[in-house]
Amino acid sequence: MTYEEFKIQLYHSLLELETAKEMEIGILERGVIYEDDVAKRVIRTVTLSEEGREDTVLRMDLLYAVWDKGEFDCMLYWPVRQFYERFKTEGWQSVLPELAAAISRENVRKGKLPTEKDTYIQQRANLILRALPFERRKEELGGCVYWTFGDIALVLYLLVYDDPENYLTLKLERSLADQWGKRDAVLLTGALLNCQLRMPPRLYYAQDALRYYDEKGGVFMAGEEGVPVKILKWDETQGRIGYRLTTTRRINGAIALFYPGVKERLCELLGGDFYVAFTSVHEAGIYPVRFKTLSDVKAELEHNNALLESRSFLTERVYRYVSVRGELMEV
């Protein structure tokens, strides 16, 4: 079956699903400019989420489902090419059940795309922060709300929906935030606390990045449930290898360092100052200063960044938490 034949059959297969009867199903082709409102809104949502910028055309063929359009729009989307590559080796049984499960999952139906009519009360629980490289993406942040730390921007986003398999966020445009009449500090502080509530911080041994993370492990903050990570302050070998700071979802994990109390707790556990090397937007490497030289940390980060895909890159800089000052500083 050719790619074009697969695309048509995939579309009709989704249409025939009983759980999709109340949805608008469609396929958008890359490079095409669409005029209807639904297509334009889907494209805007996808390009903002995937590429961090608003665009009028897609760079990939997309299958989408939109529903509940009377009050607000909910949306799912899938890159067609990825499904085709899987179909060629695994068949339809690896494609259609996934689509059926996604559109019938009730908690996904709670997803909501923002509109100008939304109030702060309606959306405040869905505000989150994401860490982005400030210099690399400075132009696209012109209409956004954010804090900066060094060359990192902590940008205000709206969580559209979140379940074990789907995580869609959109930058919150300043024009919408300004309508709420809230100071930036109020919006950003609330969003950071939302992140901590939705995705608590987790600390793992660096070598565990090569293995499956224990969903219940990595707990290091007081009052959290789960299996505490065992940190031995005098363990020089582990100190040189380092630790990985992330979140329970292991996405957007760099933000965990900025949660209230995290830096101070790490300092307590590690017995003093530590280096921070953000190895992606999803995690940070943590190294006790007394066991790791700054030159080694910088060399490892440079090597890591050279292998990292651009959308996951965060920074080339290394930071140090200085306990006597209670500050995180660039070194």
Protein backbone atom coordinates (compact mmCIF):
# COMPACT_ATOMS: atom_id res chain seq x y z
CA MET A 1 0.00 0.00 0.00
CA THR A 2 1.37 3.40 -0.95
CA TYR A 3 1.52 6.29 1.48
CA GLU A 4 -1.34 8.13 -0.26
CA GLU A 5 -3.53 5.00 -0.18
CA PHE A 6 -2.74 4.50 3.49
CA LYS A 7 -3.63 8.10 4.28
CA ILE A 8 -7.08 7.78 2.69
CA GLN A 9 -7.83 4.46 4.38
CA LEU A 10 -6.65 5.78 7.75
CA TYR A 11 -9.03 8.72 7.41
CA HIS A 12 -12.02 6.52 6.54
CA SER A 13 -11.18 4.04 9.29
CA LEU A 14 -11.32 6.80 11.87
CA LEU A 15 -14.60 8.10 10.47
CA GLU A 16 -16.17 4.67 10.92
CA LEU A 17 -15.36 4.40 14.62
CA GLU A 18 -18.48 4.67 16.75
CA THR A 19 -16.71 6.85 19.32
CA ALA A 20 -15.85 9.38 16.60
CA LYS A 21 -19.43 10.01 15.46
CA GLU A 22 -19.67 13.36 17.26
CA MET A 23 -16.26 14.53 16.10
CA GLU A 24 -15.09 16.34 13.02
CA ILE A 25 -12.37 14.21 11.45
CA GLY A 26 -9.99 15.57 8.86
CA ILE A 27 -6.58 15.34 7.24
CA LEU A 28 -4.42 18.41 6.67
CA GLU A 29 -1.60 18.18 4.15
CA ARG A 30 1.79 19.77 4.59
CA GLY A 31 2.47 22.98 2.69
CA VAL A 32 -1.21 23.67 1.95
CA ILE A 33 -2.89 26.93 3.01
CA TYR A 34 -6.42 26.30 4.32
CA GLU A 35 -9.17 28.90 4.60
CA ASP A 36 -11.79 27.24 6.83
CA ASP A 37 -11.72 28.21 10.51
CA VAL A 38 -11.32 24.71 11.97
CA ALA A 39 -8.31 23.89 9.81
CA LYS A 40 -6.65 27.22 10.59
CA ARG A 41 -7.18 26.75 14.31
CA VAL A 42 -5.78 23.21 14.24
CA ILE A 43 -2.71 24.40 12.33
CA ARG A 44 -2.17 27.30 14.72
CA THR A 45 -2.44 25.00 17.74
CA VAL A 46 -0.06 22.41 16.31
CA THR A 47 2.61 24.82 15.13
CA LEU A 48 2.56 26.73 18.41
CA SER A 49 2.83 23.51 20.40
CA GLU A 50 5.35 21.64 18.25
CA GLU A 51 7.48 24.46 16.84
CA GLY A 52 6.92 27.27 19.30
CA ARG A 53 5.66 29.68 16.64
CA GLU A 54 2.43 30.48 14.89
CA ASP A 55 2.46 29.38 11.25
CA THR A 56 -0.16 29.10 8.51
CA VAL A 57 1.10 25.85 7.01
CA LEU A 58 2.14 22.46 8.34
CA ARG A 59 5.43 20.71 7.74
CA MET A 60 3.78 17.28 7.94
CA ASP A 61 0.51 15.60 6.98
CA LEU A 62 -1.78 15.55 9.98
CA LEU A 63 -4.87 13.56 10.95
CA TYR A 64 -7.05 15.39 13.47
CA ALA A 65 -10.26 15.08 15.47
CA VAL A 66 -12.14 18.12 16.81
CA TRP A 67 -15.31 18.07 18.91
CA ASP A 68 -17.54 20.03 21.33
CA LYS A 69 -17.34 23.03 19.04
CA GLY A 70 -20.52 24.61 20.41
CA GLU A 71 -18.87 25.86 23.62
CA PHE A 72 -15.17 25.20 23.06
CA ASP A 73 -12.90 23.09 20.88
CA CYS A 74 -11.19 19.91 21.97
CA MET A 75 -8.61 18.38 19.68
CA LEU A 76 -6.41 15.38 19.06
CA TYR A 77 -3.93 15.10 16.21
CA TRP A 78 -1.51 12.55 14.81
CA PRO A 79 1.32 12.81 12.23
CA VAL A 80 0.26 10.50 9.39
CA ARG A 81 3.78 9.61 8.27
CA GLN A 82 4.66 8.09 11.65
CA PHE A 83 1.64 5.82 11.50
CA TYR A 84 2.52 4.78 7.95
CA GLU A 85 6.05 3.76 8.92
CA ARG A 86 4.66 1.70 11.76
CA PHE A 87 1.98 0.20 9.52
CA LYS A 88 4.61 -1.05 7.05
CA THR A 89 6.25 -3.20 9.70
CA GLU A 90 3.44 -3.98 12.16
CA GLY A 91 0.16 -3.67 10.20
CA TRP A 92 -3.14 -2.05 11.04
CA GLN A 93 -3.30 -3.69 14.47
CA SER A 94 -0.60 -1.32 15.67
CA VAL A 95 -2.39 1.78 14.37
CA LEU A 96 -6.19 1.61 14.63
CA PRO A 97 -6.46 0.42 18.26
CA GLU A 98 -4.30 3.36 19.36
CA LEU A 99 -6.58 5.82 17.56
CA ALA A 100 -9.71 4.21 18.97
CA ALA A 101 -8.34 4.33 22.51
CA ALA A 102 -7.29 7.95 22.18
CA ILE A 103 -10.61 9.34 21.00
CA SER A 104 -12.67 7.32 23.46
CA ARG A 105 -10.63 8.27 26.53
CA GLU A 106 -12.92 10.40 28.65
CA ASN A 107 -10.28 12.50 30.37
CA VAL A 108 -8.92 13.65 27.01
CA ARG A 109 -12.36 15.09 26.30
CA LYS A 110 -11.74 17.60 29.05
CA GLY A 111 -9.10 19.32 26.95
CA LYS A 112 -9.84 22.92 26.06
CA LEU A 113 -8.33 25.28 23.54
CA PRO A 114 -8.13 28.88 24.83
CA THR A 115 -10.43 31.60 23.54
CA GLU A 116 -10.56 35.36 24.12
CA LYS A 117 -13.68 34.84 26.24
CA ASP A 118 -11.86 32.72 28.82
CA THR A 119 -11.48 34.25 32.28
CA TYR A 120 -8.58 33.92 34.67
CA ILE A 121 -10.76 31.88 37.04
CA GLN A 122 -11.50 29.40 34.23
CA GLN A 123 -7.87 28.94 33.26
CA ARG A 124 -5.74 29.57 36.34
CA ALA A 125 -5.46 25.86 37.23
CA ASN A 126 -4.18 25.14 33.70
CA LEU A 127 -1.34 27.67 33.73
CA ILE A 128 2.15 26.17 33.80
CA LEU A 129 5.73 27.25 33.10
CA ARG A 130 8.12 25.73 30.58
CA ALA A 131 11.86 26.34 30.40
CA LEU A 132 13.11 27.55 26.99
CA PRO A 133 16.48 28.82 25.71
CA PHE A 134 16.03 32.59 25.88
CA GLU A 135 18.57 33.77 23.31
CA ARG A 136 17.69 31.13 20.73
CA ARG A 137 13.96 31.83 20.93
CA LYS A 138 13.95 35.49 21.92
CA GLU A 139 12.02 36.70 18.87
CA GLU A 140 9.06 34.39 19.41
CA LEU A 141 8.83 35.40 23.07
CA GLY A 142 7.98 39.00 22.23
CA GLY A 143 4.27 38.48 22.85
CA CYS A 144 4.67 36.16 25.83
CA VAL A 145 4.82 36.36 29.61
CA TYR A 146 8.01 35.02 31.20
CA TRP A 147 10.73 35.25 33.79
CA THR A 148 14.40 35.02 32.82
CA PHE A 149 17.21 33.36 34.70
CA GLY A 150 20.57 33.65 32.97
CA ASP A 151 19.94 32.48 29.42
CA ILE A 152 16.82 30.53 30.43
CA ALA A 153 13.28 31.81 29.98
CA LEU A 154 10.53 30.42 32.21
CA VAL A 155 7.58 30.95 29.90
CA LEU A 156 3.88 31.01 30.76
CA TYR A 157 1.94 28.26 28.98
CA LEU A 158 -1.59 26.93 29.02
CA LEU A 159 -1.99 23.20 29.51
CA VAL A 160 -4.64 22.21 26.96
CA TYR A 161 -4.83 18.58 27.99
CA ASP A 162 -2.75 16.10 29.89
CA ASP A 163 -3.09 12.34 30.19
CA PRO A 164 -0.57 9.46 30.27
CA GLU A 165 -0.13 9.55 26.49
CA ASN A 166 -0.99 13.10 25.46
CA TYR A 167 0.53 16.37 26.66
CA LEU A 168 -0.38 19.51 24.73
CA THR A 169 0.56 23.03 25.78
CA LEU A 170 0.26 26.45 24.15
CA LYS A 171 2.12 29.65 24.92
CA LEU A 172 -0.25 32.07 26.57
CA GLU A 173 -0.25 35.25 24.52
CA ARG A 174 0.17 38.48 26.45
CA SER A 175 -2.92 39.91 24.78
CA LEU A 176 -5.04 37.27 26.52
CA ALA A 177 -3.19 37.55 29.83
CA ASP A 178 -3.59 41.34 29.84
CA GLN A 179 -7.37 40.94 29.65
CA TRP A 180 -7.29 39.22 33.01
CA GLY A 181 -5.79 42.26 34.73
CA LYS A 182 -3.24 40.20 36.68
CA ARG A 183 0.38 41.18 37.21
CA ASP A 184 2.96 38.98 35.50
CA ALA A 185 4.35 37.92 38.88
CA VAL A 186 0.94 36.62 39.96
CA LEU A 187 0.46 34.60 36.77
CA LEU A 188 3.99 33.19 36.77
CA THR A 189 4.02 32.31 40.47
CA GLY A 190 0.69 30.53 40.19
CA ALA A 191 1.89 28.65 37.11
CA LEU A 192 5.06 27.47 38.88
CA LEU A 193 3.03 26.17 41.82
CA ASN A 194 0.69 24.41 39.38
CA CYS A 195 3.71 22.67 37.84
CA GLN A 196 4.88 21.50 41.25
CA LEU A 197 1.41 20.16 42.05
CA ARG A 198 0.90 18.39 38.71
CA MET A 199 4.46 17.13 38.28
CA PRO A 200 6.39 16.95 41.56
CA PRO A 201 10.21 16.88 41.41
CA ARG A 202 12.14 13.62 41.32
CA LEU A 203 15.84 12.87 41.78
CA TYR A 204 17.49 9.79 40.27
CA TYR A 205 21.01 8.45 39.93
CA ALA A 206 22.48 9.62 36.63
CA GLN A 207 23.07 6.05 35.47
CA ASP A 208 19.32 5.37 35.80
CA ALA A 209 18.80 7.47 32.67
CA LEU A 210 19.77 4.32 30.77
CA ARG A 211 17.16 2.22 32.55
CA TYR A 212 13.47 2.39 33.33
CA TYR A 213 12.64 5.00 35.94
CA ASP A 214 10.72 3.75 38.95
CA GLU A 215 7.37 5.58 38.92
CA LYS A 216 7.24 5.59 42.72
CA GLY A 217 10.94 6.26 43.30
CA GLY A 218 13.08 9.37 43.27
CA VAL A 219 11.25 11.12 46.12
CA PHE A 220 13.45 13.62 47.96
CA MET A 221 11.19 16.45 49.12
CA ALA A 222 9.60 16.28 52.57
CA GLY A 223 5.97 15.23 52.78
CA GLU A 224 5.79 13.44 49.41
CA GLU A 225 4.63 9.86 49.03
CA GLY A 226 6.77 7.24 47.34
CA VAL A 227 10.16 5.60 47.63
CA PRO A 228 12.87 8.04 48.82
CA VAL A 229 16.07 8.21 46.82
CA LYS A 230 19.08 7.13 48.89
CA ILE A 231 21.73 9.85 48.92
CA LEU A 232 25.01 9.20 50.75
CA LYS A 233 26.85 12.49 51.21
CA TRP A 234 30.23 10.74 51.32
CA ASP A 235 29.65 8.62 48.16
CA GLU A 236 32.41 10.05 45.96
CA THR A 237 31.80 7.63 43.07
CA GLN A 238 28.13 8.56 42.77
CA GLY A 239 29.02 12.21 43.26
CA ARG A 240 31.27 12.13 40.19
CA ILE A 241 28.62 10.32 38.14
CA GLY A 242 25.97 12.72 39.38
CA TYR A 243 22.21 12.76 39.76
CA ARG A 244 19.31 13.60 37.46
CA LEU A 245 16.64 16.07 38.54
CA THR A 246 13.35 15.88 36.64
CA THR A 247 9.60 15.56 37.28
CA THR A 248 7.29 12.60 37.87
CA ARG A 249 6.33 12.75 34.17
CA ARG A 250 9.98 13.18 33.08
CA ILE A 251 8.87 15.99 30.79
CA ASN A 252 9.47 19.69 31.36
CA GLY A 253 11.82 18.49 34.08
CA ALA A 254 14.19 21.46 34.02
CA ILE A 255 11.49 23.52 35.68
CA ALA A 256 11.79 21.35 38.81
CA LEU A 257 14.95 23.18 39.92
CA PHE A 258 12.90 26.37 40.29
CA TYR A 259 10.21 24.83 42.51
CA PRO A 260 10.16 26.35 46.01
CA GLY A 261 12.56 24.58 48.36
CA VAL A 262 14.17 22.26 45.80
CA LYS A 263 17.61 23.90 45.66
CA GLU A 264 17.79 24.12 49.42
CA ARG A 265 16.77 20.47 49.83
CA LEU A 266 19.39 19.33 47.30
CA CYS A 267 22.04 21.29 49.19
CA GLU A 268 20.99 19.54 52.40
CA LEU A 269 21.05 16.07 50.85
CA LEU A 270 24.34 16.52 49.02
CA GLY A 271 26.11 18.17 51.92
CA GLY A 272 26.89 21.54 50.34
CA ASP A 273 27.29 23.36 47.04
CA PHE A 274 26.42 21.62 43.79
CA TYR A 275 26.74 22.24 40.05
CA VAL A 276 23.72 22.26 37.75
CA ALA A 277 24.01 21.32 34.07
CA PHE A 278 20.70 21.42 32.23
CA THR A 279 21.05 18.44 29.89
CA SER A 280 17.73 19.23 28.18
CA VAL A 281 14.46 21.03 28.81
CA HIS A 282 13.40 17.81 30.54
CA GLU A 283 16.11 17.36 33.17
CA ALA A 284 19.16 18.75 34.92
CA GLY A 285 22.38 17.05 35.96
CA ILE A 286 23.30 17.65 39.61
CA TYR A 287 26.90 17.23 40.86
CA PRO A 288 28.30 17.87 44.38
CA VAL A 289 31.08 20.44 44.02
CA ARG A 290 33.48 18.56 46.25
CA PHE A 291 33.40 15.48 43.99
CA LYS A 292 33.22 16.99 40.48
CA THR A 293 35.40 19.62 38.80
CA LEU A 294 33.78 22.46 36.91
CA SER A 295 35.80 21.65 33.78
CA ASP A 296 34.45 18.09 33.76
CA VAL A 297 30.87 19.30 34.15
CA LYS A 298 31.27 21.74 31.26
CA ALA A 299 32.90 19.09 29.05
CA GLU A 300 30.08 16.61 29.71
CA LEU A 301 27.42 19.23 29.00
CA GLU A 302 29.10 20.25 25.75
CA HIS A 303 29.20 16.62 24.62
CA ASN A 304 25.58 16.11 25.65
CA ASN A 305 24.37 19.20 23.78
CA ALA A 306 26.19 18.15 20.62
CA LEU A 307 24.05 15.01 20.52
CA LEU A 308 20.79 16.68 21.57
CA GLU A 309 17.99 17.50 19.16
CA SER A 310 17.41 21.24 18.87
CA ARG A 311 13.89 21.25 20.35
CA SER A 312 15.23 19.70 23.60
CA PHE A 313 18.23 22.05 24.00
CA LEU A 314 18.11 24.48 26.90
CA THR A 315 21.50 26.05 27.67
CA GLU A 316 25.27 25.79 27.29
CA ARG A 317 25.91 27.38 30.67
CA VAL A 318 26.69 25.68 33.97
CA TYR A 319 25.35 26.97 37.28
CA ARG A 320 26.37 26.51 40.89
CA TYR A 321 24.21 26.67 43.97
CA VAL A 322 26.22 28.58 46.57
CA SER A 323 24.94 27.57 49.98
CA VAL A 324 26.39 30.47 51.98
CA ARG A 325 24.50 32.91 49.76
CA GLY A 326 21.48 30.73 49.07
CA GLU A 327 21.78 31.58 45.36
CA LEU A 328 22.12 29.81 42.04
CA MET A 329 24.92 31.47 40.06
CA GLU A 330 26.48 31.03 36.63
CA VAL A 331 30.07 29.75 36.76
